[in-house]
Amino acid sequence: MSRIKEFNLPDLGEGLTEGEILAWLVKVGDVIELNQPIVEVETAKAAVEIPAKWAGQVQAIFHPEGSTVEVGTPIIAIDTDPGAGPIEESTTGAPASALPTPSAASLAAVEVAPAEGAVEPGLIGGPAPGGRTAVLVGYGPRTAAAKRRPRRGDTPVSAQAAQPVAPPQPAPVVTAPSNGHGPAGGPVLAKPPVRKLAKDLGVDLSTLTGSGPLGSITREDVQRAASGATAVAEPLAVSAPATAAASFGADREQRIPVKGVRKLTAENMSRSAFTAPHVTEFLTVDVTRAMKALDRLRNRREWRDVRVSPLLLVAKAVLLAVKRHPMVNSAWAGDEIVVKDYVNLGIAAATERGLIVPNIKDAGRLSLRELADAMTDLVQTAKTGKTSPADMSGGTLTITNVGVFGVDTGTPILPPGESAILAFGAVREMPWVHKGKVKPRQVTTLGLSFDHRIIDGELGSKFLRDIGEFLADPEAALLAWT
């Protein structure tokens, strides 16, 4: 058995396909222990430290900090028996102690996808034995499916040095179909996304000659075949405009890569906004009594070391209102509605990495003191960038505190899989009619967005009304509802 083991970027769960290497916690030559953190990776949801799968000595690091790596790609090589002496020279004559590099085949090979719809259990895209299992460091049912999908022109340096520069590949040539095989009678080499594109465009992959690595068919080949562009198009003559338009140099533009939290947020918000029919209602509430109740709570001896904020009372109001209207805490599942008897309460948090929404598991079972401690831990962990993917998964209902930015309220977009989200606005001193007289009072505005497939206007209005009643007089509401 080889002493040198390549450690692949593992699947950290939640459908991860790639991650950005933020920082290496070890360097070549370091002796590491089993489960010692070796690299910090930013996924679409969080920054996660990945532990070593083996003890030994670091022999090579394949990807620098800042690079984006796909799941299943080797990222580090570890000598699992450094005390056994020098590593013998390989059959090619190169010393085995040299830093190993992923082979050209492992980095440039194009995966031959199975027939449409046929995916073996346990592999990427198919069901794992016994159901989906979250895998942290390569353990579990994921075995041979996590290969790196190559990019065009992505060839290892060692392979480049041994190969002459190839002339430009010609445009794909359409040939007679050959019953699902390539022009040479062999299997068609194409990535699954390319196969899907071909299916959507009605292009028969077996009629194409690929221009990618190892003769694989690329997206450009499919698009070229679909448009009938089998030859290089003649350049079009463009007449000069009558008046020159104002132009600015690239030095006055900034291009920000869309990745990590920003990429996930964009995908989730786009999917939610165009899937769930949103309705937003607003309610302005006199919260003077709630603010006084918070002051009395802070002065109690057992609460003096606890962070007490208006958001705590809003969270408690939401949890009590859910008990009175359980349908609000549900999810749309196609042909059925899933009503949940637990509340994983999401709290939107702005961090340096972007907006994230960790959630407090089963928050409805917590006392007010436990809820306050959980919210404090959640916010502090989010600010340090150490929120785990598990803490941001499984949310059922969310609160976004836009009031901390001085905003009165908003029309928030539902997180995918949830049916309601509450925007809590700034608490301001405003003129208010109280007991028949206009007086300065502490006032806030709430904005509730909900999925109109599940929550109709009556249910949404009653839910928002109950939250407002609690915030208007929390002590009376607790006596009446509990």
Foldseek 3Di string as FASTA:
>chain_A
DAQKDFFWAAQQDPPWFKWAWADAPDDAFDWAAFQCFGTWTFTQAFTDGAGDHATAGWQDAADDHGDMFTGGHGGTMGRRCPVVDADCQDPVRHGPSHRDYPDQCQAAPFDQDDPPPDDDELAPPHAHVVGDDRDRRPDGSYDPRGGGHYDFPDGDPVVVVVDDDDDQDAAWDFDDADPQDAPVRHHAGEHPVLVVVCVVLVHRSNRTFDRGPPRHHDNVNSVCVSVVPRDDDDDDDDDDDPDDDDDDDCVPDDDDDQGHNNVVVVVQLVCQPVPFDKDKDKDKFFLQQVVVVQVVQCPDPVNVPFDGDVVLLLVVLLLLLCVVPQLQQWFDDPVDIGGDPFAFEWEWAQEPRGIATFTHGRLSPDDSRRSRVVVVVVHVCVHVRNDRPVRRPDGREYEYEPQVVVAQWDRDGDGHGYFKYKYKHHFDFDFDQDPNDTDTTTMGMMMMMGRCVRAPPVSVVSSVVSSSVCSNPVVVSVVVRD
